[in-house]
Protein backbone atom coordinates (compact mmCIF):
# COMPACT_ATOMS: atom_id res chain seq x y z
CA MET A 1 0.27 -19.63 26.93
CA VAL A 2 -2.76 -17.49 26.98
CA GLU A 3 -0.69 -14.78 24.90
CA LEU A 4 0.55 -17.50 21.93
CA LEU A 5 -2.80 -18.40 21.50
CA ILE A 6 -4.01 -15.26 21.19
CA MET A 7 -1.06 -14.19 18.98
CA LEU A 8 -0.60 -16.75 16.80
CA PRO A 9 -4.26 -16.77 14.50
CA CYS A 10 -3.90 -12.65 14.73
CA VAL A 11 0.00 -12.91 12.91
CA TYR A 12 -1.68 -15.74 10.68
CA VAL A 13 -4.88 -13.04 9.37
CA ALA A 14 -2.18 -10.28 9.38
CA GLY A 15 0.27 -12.23 7.48
CA SER A 16 -2.87 -13.29 4.75
CA VAL A 17 -3.07 -9.79 3.62
CA ASN A 18 -1.31 -10.27 0.34
CA CYS A 19 0.54 -6.77 -0.51
CA SER A 20 1.18 -7.35 -3.67
CA ILE A 21 -2.29 -8.07 -4.55
CA GLY A 22 -3.63 -5.21 -2.87
CA VAL A 23 -0.79 -2.77 -4.23
CA LEU A 24 -1.43 -3.79 -7.56
CA LYS A 25 -5.21 -3.58 -7.80
CA LEU A 26 -4.91 -0.03 -6.95
CA LEU A 27 -2.67 0.61 -9.73
CA GLY A 28 -5.30 -1.17 -11.55
CA LYS A 29 -3.03 -4.33 -12.90
CA ALA A 30 -3.70 -7.76 -13.32
CA ASP A 31 -4.10 -10.40 -10.28
CA PRO A 32 -0.36 -10.89 -9.73
CA SER A 33 -1.31 -14.79 -8.75
CA LYS A 34 -2.66 -14.86 -12.19
CA VAL A 35 -0.16 -14.24 -14.42
CA TYR A 36 3.46 -14.43 -15.43
CA SER A 37 4.43 -17.20 -12.66
CA GLY A 38 1.66 -16.88 -10.27
CA ASN A 39 3.16 -15.80 -7.74
CA PRO A 40 1.45 -12.64 -5.92
CA GLY A 41 5.32 -11.11 -4.62
CA THR A 42 7.61 -9.14 -5.73
CA THR A 43 9.08 -10.44 -8.54
CA ASN A 44 5.59 -10.48 -10.37
CA VAL A 45 5.47 -6.86 -8.71
CA TYR A 46 8.32 -5.38 -10.84
CA ARG A 47 7.03 -7.01 -14.03
CA GLN A 48 3.97 -5.35 -14.14
CA ALA A 49 4.79 -2.34 -12.02
CA GLY A 50 8.53 -1.39 -12.10
CA MET A 51 11.38 -1.58 -9.69
CA ILE A 52 9.58 1.32 -7.57
CA TRP A 53 6.63 -0.43 -6.88
CA ALA A 54 7.95 -3.74 -6.48
CA ALA A 55 10.19 -1.79 -3.59
CA VAL A 56 7.29 -0.32 -2.25
CA VAL A 57 5.51 -4.45 -1.59
CA LEU A 58 8.77 -5.69 0.08
CA LEU A 59 8.85 -2.65 1.78
CA LEU A 60 4.75 -3.63 3.41
CA GLU A 61 5.92 -7.10 3.87
CA VAL A 62 9.00 -6.59 5.59
CA GLY A 63 7.31 -3.92 7.89
CA ARG A 64 4.69 -6.35 8.35
CA ALA A 65 7.02 -8.93 9.92
CA VAL A 66 8.73 -6.46 11.60
CA GLY A 67 5.68 -5.21 13.51
CA ALA A 68 4.58 -8.97 14.39
CA ALA A 69 7.81 -9.49 15.73
CA LEU A 70 8.37 -6.50 18.09
CA ALA A 71 4.36 -7.28 19.05
CA THR A 72 5.57 -10.84 19.86
CA LEU A 73 8.87 -9.58 21.44
CA TRP A 74 7.16 -7.36 23.91
CA LEU A 75 4.23 -9.79 25.06
CA LEU A 76 6.08 -13.72 24.82
CA PRO A 77 9.27 -15.25 25.99
CA LEU A 78 11.85 -15.18 23.17
CA VAL A 79 11.78 -19.17 22.95
CA LEU A 80 7.92 -18.68 21.51
CA VAL A 81 8.86 -16.04 19.04
CA PRO A 82 9.90 -18.23 16.20
CA TRP A 83 6.32 -19.81 16.90
CA VAL A 84 4.55 -16.80 15.71
CA GLY A 85 7.06 -16.12 12.63
CA LEU A 86 5.80 -19.40 11.84
CA ALA A 87 2.18 -18.36 11.74
CA LEU A 88 3.38 -15.18 9.89
CA ILE A 89 4.59 -17.21 6.84
CA VAL A 90 1.75 -19.96 6.95
CA GLY A 91 -0.50 -16.65 6.92
CA ASN A 92 1.62 -15.43 3.97
CA ARG A 93 1.53 -19.37 2.30
CA PHE A 94 -1.80 -19.68 2.81
CA PRO A 95 -3.72 -16.65 2.97
CA LEU A 96 -7.21 -16.55 4.46
CA PHE A 97 -8.58 -13.67 1.96
CA HIS A 98 -6.90 -14.85 -1.57
CA GLY A 99 -8.13 -18.34 -1.57
CA PHE A 100 -4.85 -19.93 0.12
CA LYS A 101 -2.81 -19.26 -2.23
CA GLY A 102 -0.39 -16.63 -1.47
CA GLY A 103 3.19 -15.92 -1.70
CA LYS A 104 6.24 -17.26 -0.98
CA GLY A 105 6.96 -16.05 2.39
CA VAL A 106 11.07 -14.66 2.01
CA ALA A 107 10.15 -10.98 2.50
CA ASN A 108 8.30 -11.90 5.42
CA PHE A 109 11.29 -14.67 7.19
CA LEU A 110 13.76 -11.87 6.56
CA GLY A 111 11.36 -8.95 8.45
CA PHE A 112 10.78 -10.96 11.07
CA THR A 113 14.88 -11.90 11.93
CA LEU A 114 15.37 -8.11 10.92
CA VAL A 115 14.02 -7.55 14.64
CA LEU A 116 15.31 -10.77 16.21
CA ALA A 117 18.97 -10.70 14.59
CA PRO A 118 19.68 -7.87 12.49
CA MET A 119 23.03 -8.66 11.45
CA THR A 120 21.65 -12.34 10.29
CA ALA A 121 19.26 -10.18 8.49
CA GLY A 122 21.36 -8.26 6.78
CA LEU A 123 24.40 -10.74 5.97
CA SER A 124 21.15 -12.48 3.79
CA ALA A 125 20.81 -9.88 1.83
CA LEU A 126 23.86 -9.74 0.57
CA SER A 127 23.88 -13.62 0.65
CA TRP A 128 20.72 -12.99 -2.02
CA VAL A 129 22.58 -10.26 -4.18
CA ALA A 130 25.72 -12.23 -4.48
CA LEU A 131 24.00 -15.74 -5.25
CA PHE A 132 21.88 -13.90 -7.83
CA SER A 133 24.64 -11.95 -9.64
CA LEU A 134 26.29 -15.41 -9.78
CA VAL A 135 23.31 -17.36 -11.16
CA ARG A 136 20.54 -15.15 -12.10
CA ILE A 137 17.58 -16.58 -10.91
CA THR A 138 16.07 -15.09 -8.19
CA PHE A 139 14.11 -17.96 -6.23
CA VAL A 140 18.00 -20.13 -5.65
CA ALA A 141 19.42 -17.13 -4.22
CA SER A 142 16.40 -17.19 -1.83
CA PHE A 143 17.25 -20.48 -1.01
CA LEU A 144 20.51 -19.20 0.20
CA MET A 145 19.09 -16.07 1.96
CA THR A 146 16.51 -18.70 3.81
CA ALA A 147 19.42 -20.69 5.03
CA VAL A 148 21.37 -17.76 5.89
CA LEU A 149 18.49 -16.59 8.14
CA ALA A 150 17.12 -20.03 9.66
CA VAL A 151 20.62 -20.55 11.12
CA GLY A 152 20.60 -16.58 12.24
CA THR A 153 17.48 -17.66 14.08
CA PHE A 154 19.12 -20.49 15.90
CA ILE A 155 21.84 -18.72 16.56
CA TRP A 156 19.81 -16.05 18.00
CA SER A 157 17.65 -18.43 20.28
CA GLY A 158 20.82 -20.41 21.66
CA TRP A 159 20.03 -23.79 19.23
CA HIS A 160 17.03 -24.43 21.59
CA PRO A 161 14.78 -27.36 20.22
CA GLN A 162 11.30 -25.27 20.07
CA ALA A 163 12.84 -22.21 18.06
CA ILE A 164 14.44 -24.63 15.40
CA VAL A 165 11.48 -26.74 14.84
CA ALA A 166 9.95 -23.26 14.41
CA THR A 167 12.16 -22.27 12.09
CA SER A 168 12.97 -25.36 10.04
CA LEU A 169 9.11 -25.36 9.67
CA VAL A 170 9.35 -22.24 8.21
CA ALA A 171 12.53 -22.91 6.13
CA GLY A 172 10.36 -25.99 4.79
CA LEU A 173 7.37 -24.13 4.11
CA ILE A 174 9.42 -21.83 1.84
CA LEU A 175 11.44 -24.46 -0.10
CA GLU A 176 8.00 -26.20 -0.56
CA ALA A 177 6.76 -22.95 -2.12
CA HIS A 178 9.25 -22.94 -4.87
CA ARG A 179 9.05 -26.75 -5.67
CA SER A 180 7.14 -25.89 -9.05
CA ASN A 181 10.19 -23.35 -9.75
CA ILE A 182 12.90 -26.01 -8.96
CA SER A 183 10.72 -28.59 -11.52
CA ARG A 184 10.77 -25.87 -13.76
CA LEU A 185 14.46 -25.52 -13.53
CA LEU A 186 15.14 -29.27 -13.57
CA GLU A 187 12.97 -29.55 -16.81
CA GLU A 188 14.51 -26.56 -18.75
CA ARG A 189 18.01 -28.03 -17.97
CA ARG A 190 17.32 -31.58 -19.49
CA GLU A 191 16.05 -30.25 -22.54
CA ARG A 192 19.01 -28.13 -22.74
CA LEU A 193 21.06 -31.27 -22.31
CA ASP A 194 18.83 -32.92 -24.87
CA SER A 195 19.43 -30.75 -27.04
CA GLN A 196 23.06 -30.40 -26.15
CA ALA A 197 23.55 -34.48 -27.13
CA LYS A 198 21.29 -34.68 -30.54
CA ASN A 199 23.75 -31.61 -31.41
CA ASP A 200 26.97 -33.68 -30.48
CA VAL A 201 25.47 -36.66 -32.10
CA HIS A 202 24.80 -34.97 -35.59
């Protein structure tokens, strides 16, 4: 239990370091939390600096999560590991060093699960690619990835109640982080339907 109490704040602080903000600052680019969608994640890095730098940020985010998961597996009982994953996502979502305004947490969830259940992580990435190729909406594909990662973690833990609760909180945080995207998508769909209805009348 002492190890857990030490790991939680340490991993939260590690998660609070936003890689996209740091990389774009080094490149002399604008703060990604203040342009485009306002999300300091890989998508905004891609918009500002291109695919290569977006891939660099993704690797940094995933790599940090992998490191946190490996350290957690070494120090804690398996049933407590998902709680440290939750601390990582909380740090990414509400970073100490960036005004508590962070990313969505998907890449960190992917990296953390990559250590616990590699096949699940691979399947989640494939599911993201498949759904994105159909709908062309990044965050919608991320929802499927998150669901696959969550179920994979449930299975890895043997459906232990503590792991289910912690992992469900992670999935809930990621869903909550996309609420503005969901609202915007619904509003755009409503406007299209209204426009179509007016055209049909005329």
